[in-house]
Amino acid sequence: MRNRLRSERLGITRKRSLADLVAKVSATLAVFGSFCFIAYRTVQGTITLGDMVMYFGAFQRGLGYLKEMLGGLADLYENNLLRLESQVETHFIFCLLYSVFLLPC
């Protein structure tokens, strides 16, 4: 039983790690692809060096805002899960005490 639980937990961890790796690699490729595109347009002469610096700063600021927003959403999700777990624990304890002293839930 313990080996089965361990193997299932390892499987879940592998899947989560693979999904995390794919997400991070694709995000990194998107960021560097955007930087390369901006640099390429600058070398072509389509945009000026000042425009490149402006785009770079705007892009970094946008990434920072996106990171903060996603971090806030993750915090909300975690807090909601913690609140849900505490409600389940409270109900379990109530049912346990109720069944011991009165009737089963």
N, C-alpha and C. Protein backbone atom coordinates (compact mmCIF):
# COMPACT_ATOMS: atom_id res chain seq x y z
N MET A 1 0.83 -1.18 0.00
CA MET A 1 0.00 0.00 0.00
C MET A 1 0.88 1.25 0.00
N ARG A 2 1.91 1.22 0.84
CA ARG A 2 2.81 2.37 0.94
C ARG A 2 3.55 2.60 -0.38
N ASN A 3 3.97 1.52 -1.03
CA ASN A 3 4.67 1.63 -2.31
C ASN A 3 3.74 2.19 -3.40
N ARG A 4 2.50 1.76 -3.36
CA ARG A 4 1.52 2.26 -4.34
C ARG A 4 1.30 3.75 -4.16
N LEU A 5 1.12 4.19 -2.92
CA LEU A 5 0.94 5.61 -2.66
C LEU A 5 2.17 6.41 -3.08
N ARG A 6 3.33 5.85 -2.79
CA ARG A 6 4.58 6.54 -3.17
C ARG A 6 4.70 6.66 -4.68
N SER A 7 4.38 5.57 -5.39
CA SER A 7 4.49 5.62 -6.85
C SER A 7 3.46 6.59 -7.45
N GLU A 8 2.25 6.64 -6.89
CA GLU A 8 1.25 7.59 -7.37
C GLU A 8 1.69 9.03 -7.10
N ARG A 9 2.25 9.25 -5.94
CA ARG A 9 2.74 10.58 -5.59
C ARG A 9 3.88 11.00 -6.51
N LEU A 10 4.78 10.06 -6.81
CA LEU A 10 5.87 10.35 -7.74
C LEU A 10 5.34 10.63 -9.15
N GLY A 11 4.33 9.91 -9.57
CA GLY A 11 3.72 10.15 -10.88
C GLY A 11 3.11 11.53 -10.98
N ILE A 12 2.41 11.93 -9.94
CA ILE A 12 1.82 13.26 -9.91
C ILE A 12 2.91 14.33 -9.92
N THR A 13 3.96 14.10 -9.15
CA THR A 13 5.07 15.05 -9.10
C THR A 13 5.75 15.16 -10.46
N ARG A 14 5.93 14.04 -11.14
CA ARG A 14 6.56 14.06 -12.47
C ARG A 14 5.71 14.85 -13.45
N LYS A 15 4.40 14.60 -13.44
CA LYS A 15 3.51 15.32 -14.36
C LYS A 15 3.52 16.82 -14.06
N ARG A 16 3.47 17.16 -12.79
CA ARG A 16 3.49 18.58 -12.40
C ARG A 16 4.82 19.23 -12.80
N SER A 17 5.91 18.52 -12.60
CA SER A 17 7.23 19.05 -12.96
C SER A 17 7.35 19.23 -14.47
N LEU A 18 6.85 18.27 -15.22
CA LEU A 18 6.90 18.38 -16.68
C LEU A 18 6.06 19.56 -17.17
N ALA A 19 4.87 19.72 -16.61
CA ALA A 19 4.03 20.85 -17.00
C ALA A 19 4.68 22.17 -16.63
N ASP A 20 5.31 22.21 -15.47
CA ASP A 20 6.01 23.42 -15.04
C ASP A 20 7.18 23.73 -15.97
N LEU A 21 7.92 22.70 -16.36
CA LEU A 21 9.05 22.87 -17.26
C LEU A 21 8.59 23.40 -18.62
N VAL A 22 7.53 22.81 -19.16
CA VAL A 22 7.02 23.25 -20.46
C VAL A 22 6.55 24.70 -20.38
N ALA A 23 5.86 25.06 -19.31
CA ALA A 23 5.38 26.43 -19.15
C ALA A 23 6.54 27.42 -19.06
N LYS A 24 7.55 27.07 -18.28
CA LYS A 24 8.68 27.99 -18.12
C LYS A 24 9.51 28.11 -19.39
N VAL A 25 9.71 27.00 -20.09
CA VAL A 25 10.47 27.05 -21.34
C VAL A 25 9.72 27.88 -22.38
N SER A 26 8.41 27.68 -22.49
CA SER A 26 7.64 28.45 -23.47
C SER A 26 7.62 29.93 -23.10
N ALA A 27 7.52 30.26 -21.82
CA ALA A 27 7.55 31.67 -21.41
C ALA A 27 8.91 32.29 -21.70
N THR A 28 9.98 31.54 -21.44
CA THR A 28 11.32 32.04 -21.73
C THR A 28 11.52 32.26 -23.22
N LEU A 29 11.06 31.31 -24.03
CA LEU A 29 11.17 31.48 -25.48
C LEU A 29 10.36 32.68 -25.97
N ALA A 30 9.19 32.90 -25.39
CA ALA A 30 8.37 34.05 -25.79
C ALA A 30 9.07 35.36 -25.44
N VAL A 31 9.65 35.43 -24.25
CA VAL A 31 10.34 36.66 -23.83
C VAL A 31 11.54 36.93 -24.71
N PHE A 32 12.40 35.93 -24.89
CA PHE A 32 13.60 36.14 -25.70
C PHE A 32 13.26 36.32 -27.17
N GLY A 33 12.19 35.68 -27.62
CA GLY A 33 11.74 35.90 -28.99
C GLY A 33 11.31 37.34 -29.21
N SER A 34 10.60 37.89 -28.23
CA SER A 34 10.19 39.29 -28.32
C SER A 34 11.39 40.22 -28.31
N PHE A 35 12.36 39.93 -27.44
CA PHE A 35 13.57 40.75 -27.40
C PHE A 35 14.34 40.67 -28.72
N CYS A 36 14.44 39.47 -29.26
CA CYS A 36 15.14 39.31 -30.54
C CYS A 36 14.41 40.05 -31.67
N PHE A 37 13.09 40.01 -31.65
CA PHE A 37 12.32 40.71 -32.68
C PHE A 37 12.54 42.22 -32.59
N ILE A 38 12.53 42.75 -31.37
CA ILE A 38 12.77 44.18 -31.19
C ILE A 38 14.18 44.54 -31.64
N ALA A 39 15.17 43.72 -31.28
CA ALA A 39 16.55 43.98 -31.69
C ALA A 39 16.68 43.88 -33.21
N TYR A 40 16.02 42.91 -33.82
CA TYR A 40 16.07 42.74 -35.27
C TYR A 40 15.48 43.96 -35.98
N ARG A 41 14.34 44.44 -35.47
CA ARG A 41 13.72 45.63 -36.07
C ARG A 41 14.62 46.85 -35.92
N THR A 42 15.37 46.92 -34.84
CA THR A 42 16.30 48.03 -34.64
C THR A 42 17.45 47.95 -35.63
N VAL A 43 18.00 46.75 -35.82
CA VAL A 43 19.10 46.56 -36.77
C VAL A 43 18.63 46.86 -38.19
N GLN A 44 17.40 46.50 -38.52
CA GLN A 44 16.85 46.78 -39.84
C GLN A 44 16.68 48.28 -40.07
N GLY A 45 16.54 49.02 -38.99
CA GLY A 45 16.31 50.45 -39.11
C GLY A 45 14.84 50.84 -39.08
N THR A 46 13.98 49.86 -38.84
CA THR A 46 12.54 50.14 -38.77
C THR A 46 12.21 50.97 -37.53
N ILE A 47 12.87 50.68 -36.43
CA ILE A 47 12.70 51.48 -35.21
C ILE A 47 14.06 52.01 -34.79
N THR A 48 14.04 53.09 -34.03
CA THR A 48 15.30 53.69 -33.58
C THR A 48 15.78 53.02 -32.31
N LEU A 49 16.99 53.35 -31.93
CA LEU A 49 17.56 52.81 -30.69
C LEU A 49 16.75 53.27 -29.49
N GLY A 50 16.29 54.51 -29.51
CA GLY A 50 15.45 55.01 -28.42
C GLY A 50 14.13 54.27 -28.32
N ASP A 51 13.55 53.95 -29.50
CA ASP A 51 12.32 53.15 -29.50
C ASP A 51 12.57 51.77 -28.90
N MET A 52 13.73 51.20 -29.24
CA MET A 52 14.05 49.88 -28.71
C MET A 52 14.13 49.92 -27.19
N VAL A 53 14.77 50.94 -26.65
CA VAL A 53 14.89 51.07 -25.20
C VAL A 53 13.50 51.26 -24.58
N MET A 54 12.66 52.05 -25.23
CA MET A 54 11.30 52.28 -24.73
C MET A 54 10.50 50.97 -24.73
N TYR A 55 10.57 50.21 -25.84
CA TYR A 55 9.86 48.93 -25.91
C TYR A 55 10.37 47.95 -24.87
N PHE A 56 11.68 47.93 -24.69
CA PHE A 56 12.28 47.04 -23.71
C PHE A 56 11.77 47.37 -22.30
N GLY A 57 11.75 48.67 -21.95
CA GLY A 57 11.26 49.09 -20.63
C GLY A 57 9.79 48.77 -20.45
N ALA A 58 8.99 49.04 -21.50
CA ALA A 58 7.56 48.73 -21.42
C ALA A 58 7.32 47.23 -21.28
N PHE A 59 8.11 46.46 -21.99
CA PHE A 59 7.97 45.01 -21.93
C PHE A 59 8.31 44.49 -20.54
N GLN A 60 9.40 45.00 -19.96
CA GLN A 60 9.77 44.59 -18.60
C GLN A 60 8.70 44.99 -17.60
N ARG A 61 8.17 46.19 -17.73
CA ARG A 61 7.13 46.64 -16.81
C ARG A 61 5.88 45.77 -16.94
N GLY A 62 5.52 45.43 -18.18
CA GLY A 62 4.37 44.56 -18.41
C GLY A 62 4.57 43.18 -17.80
N LEU A 63 5.77 42.64 -17.94
CA LEU A 63 6.07 41.34 -17.33
C LEU A 63 5.97 41.40 -15.81
N GLY A 64 6.44 42.51 -15.24
CA GLY A 64 6.34 42.67 -13.78
C GLY A 64 4.90 42.71 -13.31
N TYR A 65 4.05 43.46 -14.04
CA TYR A 65 2.63 43.53 -13.68
C TYR A 65 1.96 42.17 -13.82
N LEU A 66 2.31 41.46 -14.89
CA LEU A 66 1.73 40.13 -15.09
C LEU A 66 2.15 39.18 -13.97
N LYS A 67 3.41 39.25 -13.58
CA LYS A 67 3.91 38.40 -12.50
C LYS A 67 3.18 38.70 -11.19
N GLU A 68 2.99 39.99 -10.89
CA GLU A 68 2.27 40.36 -9.67
C GLU A 68 0.82 39.88 -9.71
N MET A 69 0.18 40.03 -10.86
CA MET A 69 -1.21 39.62 -10.98
C MET A 69 -1.36 38.11 -10.80
N LEU A 70 -0.50 37.34 -11.46
CA LEU A 70 -0.57 35.88 -11.33
C LEU A 70 -0.21 35.42 -9.93
N GLY A 71 0.74 36.11 -9.29
CA GLY A 71 1.07 35.79 -7.90
C GLY A 71 -0.10 36.05 -6.98
N GLY A 72 -0.81 37.16 -7.21
CA GLY A 72 -2.00 37.46 -6.41
C GLY A 72 -3.09 36.43 -6.60
N LEU A 73 -3.30 36.00 -7.85
CA LEU A 73 -4.29 34.96 -8.10
C LEU A 73 -3.90 33.64 -7.44
N ALA A 74 -2.62 33.32 -7.47
CA ALA A 74 -2.16 32.09 -6.81
C ALA A 74 -2.37 32.18 -5.30
N ASP A 75 -2.11 33.35 -4.72
CA ASP A 75 -2.35 33.54 -3.29
C ASP A 75 -3.83 33.38 -2.95
N LEU A 76 -4.69 33.96 -3.79
CA LEU A 76 -6.13 33.81 -3.55
C LEU A 76 -6.54 32.35 -3.62
N TYR A 77 -6.01 31.62 -4.58
CA TYR A 77 -6.33 30.21 -4.72
C TYR A 77 -5.87 29.42 -3.50
N GLU A 78 -4.64 29.69 -3.05
CA GLU A 78 -4.10 28.98 -1.89
C GLU A 78 -4.91 29.30 -0.64
N ASN A 79 -5.26 30.57 -0.45
CA ASN A 79 -6.05 30.95 0.72
C ASN A 79 -7.41 30.30 0.69
N ASN A 80 -8.01 30.21 -0.48
CA ASN A 80 -9.31 29.57 -0.60
C ASN A 80 -9.20 28.09 -0.27
N LEU A 81 -8.14 27.43 -0.73
CA LEU A 81 -7.96 26.02 -0.40
C LEU A 81 -7.75 25.82 1.09
N LEU A 82 -6.96 26.70 1.70
CA LEU A 82 -6.72 26.58 3.14
C LEU A 82 -8.02 26.77 3.91
N ARG A 83 -8.82 27.73 3.49
CA ARG A 83 -10.10 27.98 4.16
C ARG A 83 -11.01 26.77 4.00
N LEU A 84 -11.02 26.17 2.80
CA LEU A 84 -11.84 24.99 2.55
C LEU A 84 -11.39 23.82 3.41
N GLU A 85 -10.08 23.63 3.51
CA GLU A 85 -9.55 22.53 4.32
C GLU A 85 -9.91 22.72 5.79
N SER A 86 -9.86 23.97 6.28
CA SER A 86 -10.20 24.20 7.68
C SER A 86 -11.68 23.95 7.92
N GLN A 87 -12.53 24.26 6.91
CA GLN A 87 -13.96 23.99 7.05
C GLN A 87 -14.22 22.49 7.10
N VAL A 88 -13.50 21.73 6.28
CA VAL A 88 -13.65 20.28 6.28
C VAL A 88 -13.17 19.71 7.61
N GLU A 89 -12.05 20.22 8.11
CA GLU A 89 -11.54 19.77 9.41
C GLU A 89 -12.55 20.06 10.51
N THR A 90 -13.11 21.27 10.50
CA THR A 90 -14.08 21.66 11.53
C THR A 90 -15.30 20.75 11.47
N HIS A 91 -15.79 20.47 10.27
CA HIS A 91 -16.95 19.59 10.13
C HIS A 91 -16.61 18.17 10.60
N PHE A 92 -15.42 17.69 10.27
CA PHE A 92 -15.00 16.36 10.70
C PHE A 92 -14.94 16.28 12.23
N ILE A 93 -14.36 17.27 12.86
CA ILE A 93 -14.26 17.29 14.32
C ILE A 93 -15.64 17.36 14.94
N PHE A 94 -16.52 18.19 14.36
CA PHE A 94 -17.88 18.29 14.87
C PHE A 94 -18.59 16.95 14.77
N CYS A 95 -18.48 16.28 13.62
CA CYS A 95 -19.12 14.98 13.45
C CYS A 95 -18.54 13.94 14.40
N LEU A 96 -17.25 13.98 14.61
CA LEU A 96 -16.60 13.05 15.52
C LEU A 96 -17.13 13.24 16.94
N LEU A 97 -17.14 14.48 17.40
CA LEU A 97 -17.64 14.76 18.74
C LEU A 97 -19.12 14.44 18.86
N TYR A 98 -19.88 14.77 17.82
CA TYR A 98 -21.32 14.51 17.84
C TYR A 98 -21.59 13.01 17.90
N SER A 99 -20.82 12.23 17.11
CA SER A 99 -21.05 10.79 17.10
C SER A 99 -20.61 10.13 18.40
N VAL A 100 -19.60 10.69 19.04
CA VAL A 100 -19.15 10.12 20.29
C VAL A 100 -20.16 10.39 21.39
N PHE A 101 -20.72 11.61 21.41
CA PHE A 101 -21.59 11.97 22.52
C PHE A 101 -23.07 11.81 22.23
N LEU A 102 -23.49 11.93 20.99
CA LEU A 102 -24.93 11.84 20.70
C LEU A 102 -25.22 10.77 19.64
N LEU A 103 -25.44 11.22 18.41
CA LEU A 103 -25.78 10.31 17.33
C LEU A 103 -24.79 10.46 16.19
N PRO A 104 -24.67 9.46 15.30
CA PRO A 104 -23.78 9.60 14.14
C PRO A 104 -24.29 10.66 13.17
N CYS A 105 -23.35 11.34 12.49
CA CYS A 105 -23.70 12.37 11.48
C CYS A 105 -24.24 11.73 10.25
